[in-house]
């Protein structure tokens, strides 16, 4: 691990304020800061005045930022970014009065995206998905979680996971893949959800053996899979040593948060209807609450997650886009942060921490999400006068640069 003594560093940036988030509360602000790195790891984070020598002599490349703020690069810890087609027509139907559940039961929703995704070959699926990943990268995101779940058979789930890996290779961005085979019941298994879960549990070891799975998810809901079926998927994941997470309590309280917490899950996501008992279980097992204000906004929901309970029991709250073609066609994590402030009354600090520190924890990553020596050199430089602006502005482009593992991203 590089240190202050290991100079010259590969790079050093001076002349910006730093929001390190390297404490339990507050931005961890450092005015006139400096950030240096070597071999993709942060070697120095602190005041410019405390540097151990002349900046020009400390690094192979020294950059004057010319103001602004540097934060940890953002982390989008819940996306369905790989898919084909869109569901703009369903958006219109919902505005005409149809509910998400009505559309799903009529053959729309997830299953309509399954048809389009199955019809696309790997190259076409990659071509359609890359622009969405680039949009997140241009928003300061250096790590993206990407779920499968629009294939719903072995070959197409595998295709989605392979495309997710290729996105990381093409953009130099961190990608964590999540197997979401238990996302919806495919038409060929109509009336036989247990039989389909048998298949999901058979596919998982094969996909894992190819290095395509970092975590396992399920949709535990009335229009998804029940607790017993979800438990079977989680047991298959546990047998492989894979962490789990869950689409939990979005449309009703199905005790999903308590179930995923029981398995030591990384996160419970959505959680609008999670009970006090579910929050208690999450707190006990260290499960992160992933807030998805994009879906809340698009579906015009009114049931808020139990935010006060999360705060009272110190359950970390992450924020993510839930980028998907149906309920959250959101390609900006900064906008998700702003929506979390507006709809859920998070503070800008909570929202930024939710898209960095807590998002990393929701993915089981301990090497990123904050700025301190020894962490991965993932950081973003913003043309802002104060960190709250990242949630204050709706739209616009305040990003000057984003570094991933010490390398400046050029695919913006």
Protein backbone atom coordinates (compact mmCIF):
# COMPACT_ATOMS: atom_id res chain seq x y z
CA UNK A 1 0.00 0.00 0.00
CA UNK A 2 1.51 3.37 -0.97
CA UNK A 3 2.19 5.93 1.72
CA UNK A 4 3.36 9.51 2.03
CA UNK A 5 6.93 8.20 1.93
CA UNK A 6 6.38 6.30 -1.34
CA UNK A 7 7.04 9.18 -3.70
CA UNK A 8 6.98 10.05 -6.46
CA UNK A 9 3.27 9.37 -6.62
CA UNK A 10 1.58 8.72 -9.95
CA UNK A 11 -0.58 11.81 -9.54
CA UNK A 12 -1.33 14.70 -7.23
CA UNK A 13 -4.18 17.20 -7.41
CA UNK A 14 -4.09 20.44 -5.44
CA UNK A 15 -6.26 23.53 -5.38
CA UNK A 16 -9.67 22.01 -4.59
CA UNK A 17 -11.65 21.50 -1.41
CA UNK A 18 -12.18 17.89 -0.34
CA UNK A 19 -15.32 16.20 0.97
CA UNK A 20 -13.67 13.10 2.39
CA UNK A 21 -16.74 11.61 4.15
CA UNK A 22 -14.14 9.92 6.33
CA UNK A 23 -16.15 10.09 9.56
CA UNK A 24 -19.55 8.97 10.81
CA UNK A 25 -21.07 12.41 10.17
CA UNK A 26 -20.31 15.57 8.26
CA UNK A 27 -18.69 16.06 4.88
CA UNK A 28 -15.18 15.78 6.31
CA UNK A 29 -14.38 19.01 4.50
CA UNK A 30 -10.82 20.14 3.87
CA UNK A 31 -10.33 23.54 2.28
CA UNK A 32 -7.40 23.94 -0.10
CA UNK A 33 -6.84 20.21 -0.03
CA UNK A 34 -4.57 17.82 -1.87
CA UNK A 35 -5.07 14.26 -3.02
CA UNK A 36 -2.24 12.01 -4.20
CA UNK A 37 -2.20 8.42 -5.42
CA UNK A 38 0.08 5.63 -6.53
CA UNK A 39 -0.70 2.28 -8.14
CA UNK A 40 -4.42 3.10 -8.07
CA UNK A 41 -4.47 3.67 -4.29
CA UNK A 42 -4.75 6.95 -2.41
CA UNK A 43 -1.45 7.84 -0.75
CA UNK A 44 -2.32 11.27 0.62
CA UNK A 45 -5.58 13.02 1.47
CA UNK A 46 -5.29 16.24 3.44
CA UNK A 47 -4.46 19.96 3.39
CA UNK A 48 -2.09 21.18 0.73
CA UNK A 49 -0.12 22.94 3.46
CA UNK A 50 0.63 19.59 5.12
CA UNK A 51 2.16 17.96 2.03
CA UNK A 52 5.62 16.49 2.77
CA UNK A 53 7.34 18.61 0.14
CA UNK A 54 6.92 20.75 -2.93
CA UNK A 55 3.87 19.51 -4.90
CA UNK A 56 5.77 19.53 -8.20
CA UNK A 57 8.39 17.17 -6.77
CA UNK A 58 5.99 14.74 -5.12
CA UNK A 59 4.31 13.24 -8.20
CA UNK A 60 4.95 12.36 -11.79
CA UNK A 61 1.95 14.55 -12.66
CA UNK A 62 0.78 17.45 -10.50
CA UNK A 63 -2.51 19.13 -11.41
CA UNK A 64 -3.91 22.40 -10.10
CA UNK A 65 -7.66 21.85 -9.92
CA UNK A 66 -8.44 25.56 -9.98
CA UNK A 67 -11.13 25.34 -7.31
CA UNK A 68 -14.27 23.27 -6.91
CA UNK A 69 -14.72 20.19 -4.72
CA UNK A 70 -13.40 16.64 -4.88
CA UNK A 71 -15.60 13.89 -3.45
CA UNK A 72 -15.41 10.13 -3.53
CA UNK A 73 -16.61 8.95 -6.93
CA UNK A 74 -20.28 8.01 -6.81
CA UNK A 75 -21.46 4.40 -6.58
CA UNK A 76 -24.77 3.27 -8.08
CA UNK A 77 -25.56 0.20 -5.99
CA UNK A 78 -28.86 -0.86 -7.62
CA UNK A 79 -29.43 -0.86 -11.39
CA UNK A 80 -31.10 -2.99 -14.05
CA UNK A 81 -29.01 -1.24 -16.67
CA UNK A 82 -28.70 -4.11 -19.17
CA UNK A 83 -31.91 -4.54 -21.17
CA UNK A 84 -33.31 -4.14 -24.68
CA UNK A 85 -36.16 -1.93 -25.79
CA UNK A 86 -38.09 0.43 -23.54
CA UNK A 87 -41.50 0.73 -21.87
CA UNK A 88 -42.47 4.30 -22.68
CA UNK A 89 -45.94 3.03 -23.59
CA UNK A 90 -46.46 1.72 -20.05
CA UNK A 91 -45.39 5.10 -18.70
CA UNK A 92 -48.23 6.56 -20.70
CA UNK A 93 -50.66 3.88 -19.45
CA UNK A 94 -49.83 4.64 -15.83
CA UNK A 95 -50.51 8.32 -16.45
CA UNK A 96 -53.90 7.27 -17.83
CA UNK A 97 -54.71 5.45 -14.59
CA UNK A 98 -53.34 1.89 -14.87
CA UNK A 99 -51.35 0.62 -11.88
CA UNK A 100 -47.96 -1.09 -12.06
CA UNK A 101 -49.56 -4.31 -10.82
CA UNK A 102 -52.39 -4.13 -13.41
CA UNK A 103 -49.88 -3.66 -16.24
CA UNK A 104 -47.79 -6.58 -15.01
CA UNK A 105 -50.77 -8.91 -14.74
CA UNK A 106 -51.82 -7.97 -18.30
CA UNK A 107 -48.50 -9.20 -19.73
CA UNK A 108 -46.61 -5.94 -19.53
CA UNK A 109 -44.04 -4.91 -16.99
CA UNK A 110 -40.97 -7.06 -16.54
CA UNK A 111 -42.15 -9.76 -18.93
CA UNK A 112 -42.37 -7.30 -21.84
CA UNK A 113 -38.72 -6.38 -21.33
CA UNK A 114 -37.91 -10.08 -21.16
CA UNK A 115 -39.28 -10.53 -24.68
CA UNK A 116 -37.13 -7.69 -26.06
CA UNK A 117 -34.02 -8.77 -24.17
CA UNK A 118 -34.30 -12.37 -25.32
CA UNK A 119 -34.64 -11.20 -28.92
CA UNK A 120 -31.41 -9.16 -28.81
CA UNK A 121 -28.08 -10.88 -29.34
CA UNK A 122 -25.14 -10.06 -27.09
CA UNK A 123 -23.69 -7.40 -29.38
CA UNK A 124 -27.03 -5.59 -29.71
CA UNK A 125 -27.67 -5.80 -25.99
CA UNK A 126 -24.27 -4.28 -25.31
CA UNK A 127 -24.88 -1.52 -27.85
CA UNK A 128 -28.19 -0.59 -26.23
CA UNK A 129 -26.83 -0.72 -22.68
CA UNK A 130 -23.52 1.13 -23.07
CA UNK A 131 -25.08 4.61 -23.46
CA UNK A 132 -26.84 4.21 -20.11
CA UNK A 133 -23.57 3.27 -18.43
CA UNK A 134 -21.84 6.22 -20.09
CA UNK A 135 -24.55 8.55 -18.77
CA UNK A 136 -23.85 7.35 -15.23
CA UNK A 137 -20.11 7.69 -15.73
CA UNK A 138 -20.65 11.27 -16.94
CA UNK A 139 -22.54 11.84 -13.69
CA UNK A 140 -19.50 10.98 -11.56
CA UNK A 141 -20.21 7.26 -11.07
CA UNK A 142 -17.18 4.96 -10.92
CA UNK A 143 -18.86 1.74 -9.71
CA UNK A 144 -22.17 0.30 -10.94
CA UNK A 145 -24.11 -2.70 -9.76
CA UNK A 146 -25.88 -4.39 -12.71
CA UNK A 147 -28.54 -7.07 -12.26
CA UNK A 148 -29.72 -9.77 -14.61
CA UNK A 149 -33.40 -10.67 -14.48
CA UNK A 150 -34.69 -9.86 -17.96
CA UNK A 151 -33.59 -13.18 -19.47
CA UNK A 152 -35.37 -15.65 -17.16
CA UNK A 153 -33.76 -18.63 -18.81
CA UNK A 154 -30.18 -19.85 -18.54
CA UNK A 155 -28.84 -18.62 -21.87
CA UNK A 156 -30.35 -15.16 -21.63
CA UNK A 157 -29.47 -14.61 -17.96
CA UNK A 158 -25.92 -15.61 -18.88
CA UNK A 159 -26.00 -13.21 -21.84
CA UNK A 160 -27.03 -10.32 -19.57
CA UNK A 161 -24.28 -11.03 -17.06
CA UNK A 162 -21.68 -11.30 -19.82
CA UNK A 163 -22.79 -7.92 -21.19
CA UNK A 164 -22.49 -6.41 -17.72
CA UNK A 165 -18.90 -7.61 -17.48
CA UNK A 166 -18.17 -6.24 -20.96
CA UNK A 167 -19.48 -2.82 -19.95
CA UNK A 168 -16.89 -2.69 -17.20
CA UNK A 169 -14.15 -3.65 -19.64
CA UNK A 170 -15.26 -1.17 -22.29
CA UNK A 171 -15.52 1.85 -19.98
CA UNK A 172 -12.94 1.01 -17.33
CA UNK A 173 -15.69 1.37 -14.75
CA UNK A 174 -16.21 -0.90 -11.76
CA UNK A 175 -19.09 -3.33 -12.34
CA UNK A 176 -20.60 -5.65 -9.73
CA UNK A 177 -22.92 -8.26 -11.19
CA UNK A 178 -26.01 -9.55 -9.41
CA UNK A 179 -27.94 -12.65 -10.50
CA UNK A 180 -31.66 -11.81 -10.36
CA UNK A 181 -33.09 -14.91 -11.98
CA UNK A 182 -35.95 -14.76 -9.46
CA UNK A 183 -37.21 -11.46 -10.88
CA UNK A 184 -40.46 -12.58 -12.51
CA UNK A 185 -42.15 -15.78 -13.65
CA UNK A 186 -41.47 -16.36 -17.36
CA UNK A 187 -44.43 -17.34 -19.57
CA UNK A 188 -43.20 -20.89 -20.09
CA UNK A 189 -43.51 -21.48 -16.31
CA UNK A 190 -46.97 -19.94 -15.92
CA UNK A 191 -48.65 -21.49 -12.90
CA UNK A 192 -45.45 -23.25 -11.80
CA UNK A 193 -43.34 -20.82 -9.76
CA UNK A 194 -41.77 -23.58 -7.69
CA UNK A 195 -40.61 -25.34 -10.83
CA UNK A 196 -39.05 -22.11 -12.04
CA UNK A 197 -37.23 -21.60 -8.74
CA UNK A 198 -35.83 -25.12 -9.21
CA UNK A 199 -34.28 -23.91 -12.47
CA UNK A 200 -32.94 -20.70 -10.91
CA UNK A 201 -31.19 -22.72 -8.23
CA UNK A 202 -29.73 -25.00 -10.94
CA UNK A 203 -28.42 -22.10 -13.04
CA UNK A 204 -26.72 -20.27 -10.21
CA UNK A 205 -23.75 -22.65 -9.67
CA UNK A 206 -23.05 -22.74 -13.42
CA UNK A 207 -23.07 -18.96 -13.74
CA UNK A 208 -20.97 -18.57 -10.64
CA UNK A 209 -18.42 -21.07 -11.99
CA UNK A 210 -17.93 -18.76 -14.99
CA UNK A 211 -17.16 -15.82 -12.72
CA UNK A 212 -20.34 -14.00 -13.70
CA UNK A 213 -22.00 -13.57 -10.31
CA UNK A 214 -20.93 -11.31 -7.44
CA UNK A 215 -24.24 -11.41 -5.51
CA UNK A 216 -27.77 -12.84 -5.68
CA UNK A 217 -31.08 -10.97 -5.56
CA UNK A 218 -34.80 -11.81 -5.77
CA UNK A 219 -38.12 -9.99 -6.09
CA UNK A 220 -40.09 -10.98 -2.99
CA UNK A 221 -43.55 -9.55 -3.63
CA UNK A 222 -47.13 -10.48 -4.50
CA UNK A 223 -46.34 -10.22 -8.22
CA UNK A 224 -42.92 -11.81 -7.73
CA UNK A 225 -41.96 -14.71 -5.46
CA UNK A 226 -43.03 -15.56 -1.94
CA UNK A 227 -40.82 -15.82 1.11
CA UNK A 228 -40.42 -19.61 0.89
CA UNK A 229 -39.31 -19.41 -2.76
CA UNK A 230 -36.96 -16.54 -1.98
CA UNK A 231 -35.49 -18.50 0.90
CA UNK A 232 -34.62 -21.35 -1.47
CA UNK A 233 -32.72 -18.97 -3.73
CA UNK A 234 -30.86 -17.52 -0.75
CA UNK A 235 -29.94 -20.98 0.50
CA UNK A 236 -28.49 -21.81 -2.94
CA UNK A 237 -26.47 -18.59 -2.81
CA UNK A 238 -25.24 -19.31 0.71
CA UNK A 239 -24.07 -22.77 -0.37
CA UNK A 240 -21.78 -21.02 -2.88
CA UNK A 241 -20.59 -18.37 -0.44
CA UNK A 242 -22.36 -15.61 -2.38
CA UNK A 243 -23.87 -12.58 -0.61
CA UNK A 244 -27.56 -11.83 -1.04
CA UNK A 245 -29.74 -8.75 -1.32
CA UNK A 246 -33.46 -8.34 -1.90
CA UNK A 247 -36.15 -6.28 -3.59
CA UNK A 248 -38.01 -6.01 -0.29
CA UNK A 249 -41.36 -4.59 0.80
CA UNK A 250 -41.84 -2.30 -2.20
CA UNK A 251 -45.56 -2.84 -2.77
CA UNK A 252 -46.54 -4.49 0.51
CA UNK A 253 -45.00 -5.64 3.77
CA UNK A 254 -43.99 -9.21 3.03
CA UNK A 255 -41.32 -9.34 5.75
CA UNK A 256 -38.72 -9.21 2.99
CA UNK A 257 -36.35 -6.97 4.93
CA UNK A 258 -36.37 -9.35 7.88
CA UNK A 259 -35.80 -12.31 5.55
CA UNK A 260 -32.75 -10.85 3.83
CA UNK A 261 -31.37 -9.68 7.17
CA UNK A 262 -31.72 -13.23 8.50
CA UNK A 263 -29.31 -14.32 5.77
CA UNK A 264 -26.87 -11.51 6.66
CA UNK A 265 -27.83 -9.80 3.42
CA UNK A 266 -25.93 -6.84 2.06
CA UNK A 267 -29.07 -4.79 1.47
CA UNK A 268 -32.83 -4.57 1.45
CA UNK A 269 -33.91 -2.38 -1.47
CA UNK A 270 -37.04 -0.21 -1.89
CA UNK A 271 -38.32 -0.89 1.68
CA UNK A 272 -41.30 1.50 1.51
CA UNK A 273 -43.51 -0.93 3.47
CA UNK A 274 -40.88 -2.37 5.79
CA UNK A 275 -42.14 -2.81 9.36
CA UNK A 276 -40.43 -1.77 12.56
CA UNK A 277 -39.58 -5.44 13.05
CA UNK A 278 -37.90 -5.50 9.67
CA UNK A 279 -35.87 -2.41 10.51
CA UNK A 280 -34.85 -4.00 13.81
CA UNK A 281 -33.64 -7.11 11.97
CA UNK A 282 -31.68 -5.00 9.48
CA UNK A 283 -29.99 -3.11 12.30
CA UNK A 284 -29.10 -6.35 14.08
CA UNK A 285 -27.51 -7.94 11.01
CA UNK A 286 -25.90 -4.85 9.42
CA UNK A 287 -28.13 -4.83 6.33
CA UNK A 288 -28.15 -1.57 4.36
CA UNK A 289 -31.43 0.09 3.33
CA UNK A 290 -31.19 1.04 -0.34
CA UNK A 291 -33.58 3.89 -1.13
CA UNK A 292 -34.81 4.09 -4.72
CA UNK A 293 -36.52 7.47 -5.13
CA UNK A 294 -36.67 7.16 -8.92
CA UNK A 295 -39.23 4.36 -8.74
CA UNK A 296 -41.06 6.15 -5.92
CA UNK A 297 -41.24 9.24 -8.16
CA UNK A 298 -42.25 7.52 -11.39
CA UNK A 299 -44.90 5.36 -9.72
CA UNK A 300 -46.15 8.39 -7.77
CA UNK A 301 -46.01 6.43 -4.54
CA UNK A 302 -47.03 8.01 -1.27
CA UNK A 303 -45.90 5.42 1.27
CA UNK A 304 -42.53 6.58 2.60
CA UNK A 305 -39.87 4.17 3.80
CA UNK A 306 -39.50 4.10 7.61
CA UNK A 307 -36.79 6.76 7.51
CA UNK A 308 -37.01 7.82 11.14
CA UNK A 309 -36.71 4.19 12.24
CA UNK A 310 -33.65 3.72 10.02
CA UNK A 311 -32.05 6.78 11.58
CA UNK A 312 -32.99 5.83 15.12
CA UNK A 313 -31.54 2.33 14.74
CA UNK A 314 -28.50 3.52 12.74
CA UNK A 315 -29.36 1.52 9.63
CA UNK A 316 -27.20 2.91 6.79
CA UNK A 317 -29.26 4.39 3.96
CA UNK A 318 -27.85 4.11 0.45
CA UNK A 319 -29.31 5.89 -2.60
CA UNK A 320 -29.37 4.40 -6.10
CA UNK A 321 -31.00 5.03 -9.48
CA UNK A 322 -32.77 1.67 -9.93
CA UNK A 323 -32.16 2.41 -13.63
CA UNK A 324 -34.65 0.20 -15.46
CA UNK A 325 -37.02 0.47 -18.42
CA UNK A 326 -40.28 0.36 -16.50
CA UNK A 327 -40.44 1.98 -13.09
CA UNK A 328 -37.27 4.08 -12.95
CA UNK A 329 -35.88 5.13 -16.34
CA UNK A 330 -33.33 7.21 -14.45
CA UNK A 331 -29.80 7.68 -15.80
CA UNK A 332 -28.51 10.17 -13.24
CA UNK A 333 -27.41 9.25 -9.73
CA UNK A 334 -27.19 12.94 -8.87
CA UNK A 335 -30.86 13.31 -9.75
CA UNK A 336 -31.62 10.27 -7.59
CA UNK A 337 -29.84 12.06 -4.74
CA UNK A 338 -31.93 15.18 -5.35
CA UNK A 339 -35.14 13.13 -5.42
CA UNK A 340 -34.12 11.46 -2.16
CA UNK A 341 -33.82 14.91 -0.59
CA UNK A 342 -37.16 16.07 -2.01
CA UNK A 343 -39.31 12.96 -1.50
CA UNK A 344 -37.62 11.35 1.51
CA UNK A 345 -36.27 14.53 3.16
CA UNK A 346 -32.72 13.27 3.29
CA UNK A 347 -30.18 16.01 3.89
CA UNK A 348 -27.68 16.62 1.06
CA UNK A 349 -25.00 15.10 3.27
CA UNK A 350 -27.10 11.97 3.83
CA UNK A 351 -27.76 11.70 0.10
CA UNK A 352 -24.07 12.07 -0.82
CA UNK A 353 -23.08 9.59 1.87
CA UNK A 354 -25.82 7.29 0.52
CA UNK A 355 -24.30 7.38 -2.97
CA UNK A 356 -20.75 6.78 -1.72
CA UNK A 357 -20.02 5.35 1.75
CA UNK A 358 -23.26 3.42 2.24
CA UNK A 359 -23.55 2.43 -1.42
CA UNK A 360 -20.13 0.78 -1.17
CA UNK A 361 -21.28 -1.10 1.91
CA UNK A 362 -24.45 -2.21 0.08
CA UNK A 363 -22.16 -3.90 -2.46
CA UNK A 364 -19.84 -5.41 0.13
CA UNK A 365 -17.00 -3.14 -1.00
CA UNK A 366 -14.66 -1.76 1.65
CA UNK A 367 -12.01 -0.17 -0.58
CA UNK A 368 -14.00 2.80 -1.90
CA UNK A 369 -16.72 5.30 -1.00
CA UNK A 370 -14.57 7.65 1.10
CA UNK A 371 -11.34 9.60 0.65
CA UNK A 372 -8.49 8.44 2.86
CA UNK A 373 -5.05 6.98 2.37
CA UNK A 374 -5.21 3.29 1.51
CA UNK A 375 -8.56 3.49 -0.29
CA UNK A 376 -8.96 2.96 -4.01
CA UNK A 377 -8.30 6.17 -5.96
CA UNK A 378 -11.88 6.65 -7.16
CA UNK A 379 -12.84 10.31 -6.92
CA UNK A 380 -14.75 13.02 -8.76
CA UNK A 381 -13.95 16.71 -9.23
CA UNK A 382 -16.95 19.03 -9.35
CA UNK A 383 -17.35 22.67 -10.38
CA UNK A 384 -19.34 23.58 -7.27
CA UNK A 385 -18.92 25.99 -4.38
CA UNK A 386 -20.33 23.62 -1.73
CA UNK A 387 -21.19 19.90 -1.63
CA UNK A 388 -24.93 20.55 -1.19
CA UNK A 389 -25.02 21.71 -4.83
CA UNK A 390 -24.76 18.07 -5.93
CA UNK A 391 -28.35 17.66 -4.72
CA UNK A 392 -29.51 21.24 -5.25
CA UNK A 393 -29.19 21.48 -9.04
CA UNK A 394 -31.69 19.47 -11.08
CA UNK A 395 -29.79 18.61 -14.23
CA UNK A 396 -26.80 20.42 -15.64
CA UNK A 397 -23.27 19.08 -15.71
CA UNK A 398 -20.99 20.14 -12.88
CA UNK A 399 -18.56 17.24 -13.27
CA UNK A 400 -15.06 18.24 -14.32
CA UNK A 401 -13.43 14.82 -14.15
CA UNK A 402 -13.73 11.39 -12.58
CA UNK A 403 -10.82 9.11 -11.71
CA UNK A 404 -11.21 5.34 -11.42
CA UNK A 405 -8.32 3.50 -9.81
CA UNK A 406 -6.18 6.59 -10.34
CA UNK A 407 -6.94 6.77 -14.07
CA UNK A 408 -8.91 9.66 -15.49
CA UNK A 409 -12.00 8.40 -17.30
CA UNK A 410 -12.12 9.48 -20.94
CA UNK A 411 -15.37 7.78 -21.97
CA UNK A 412 -17.58 10.66 -20.81
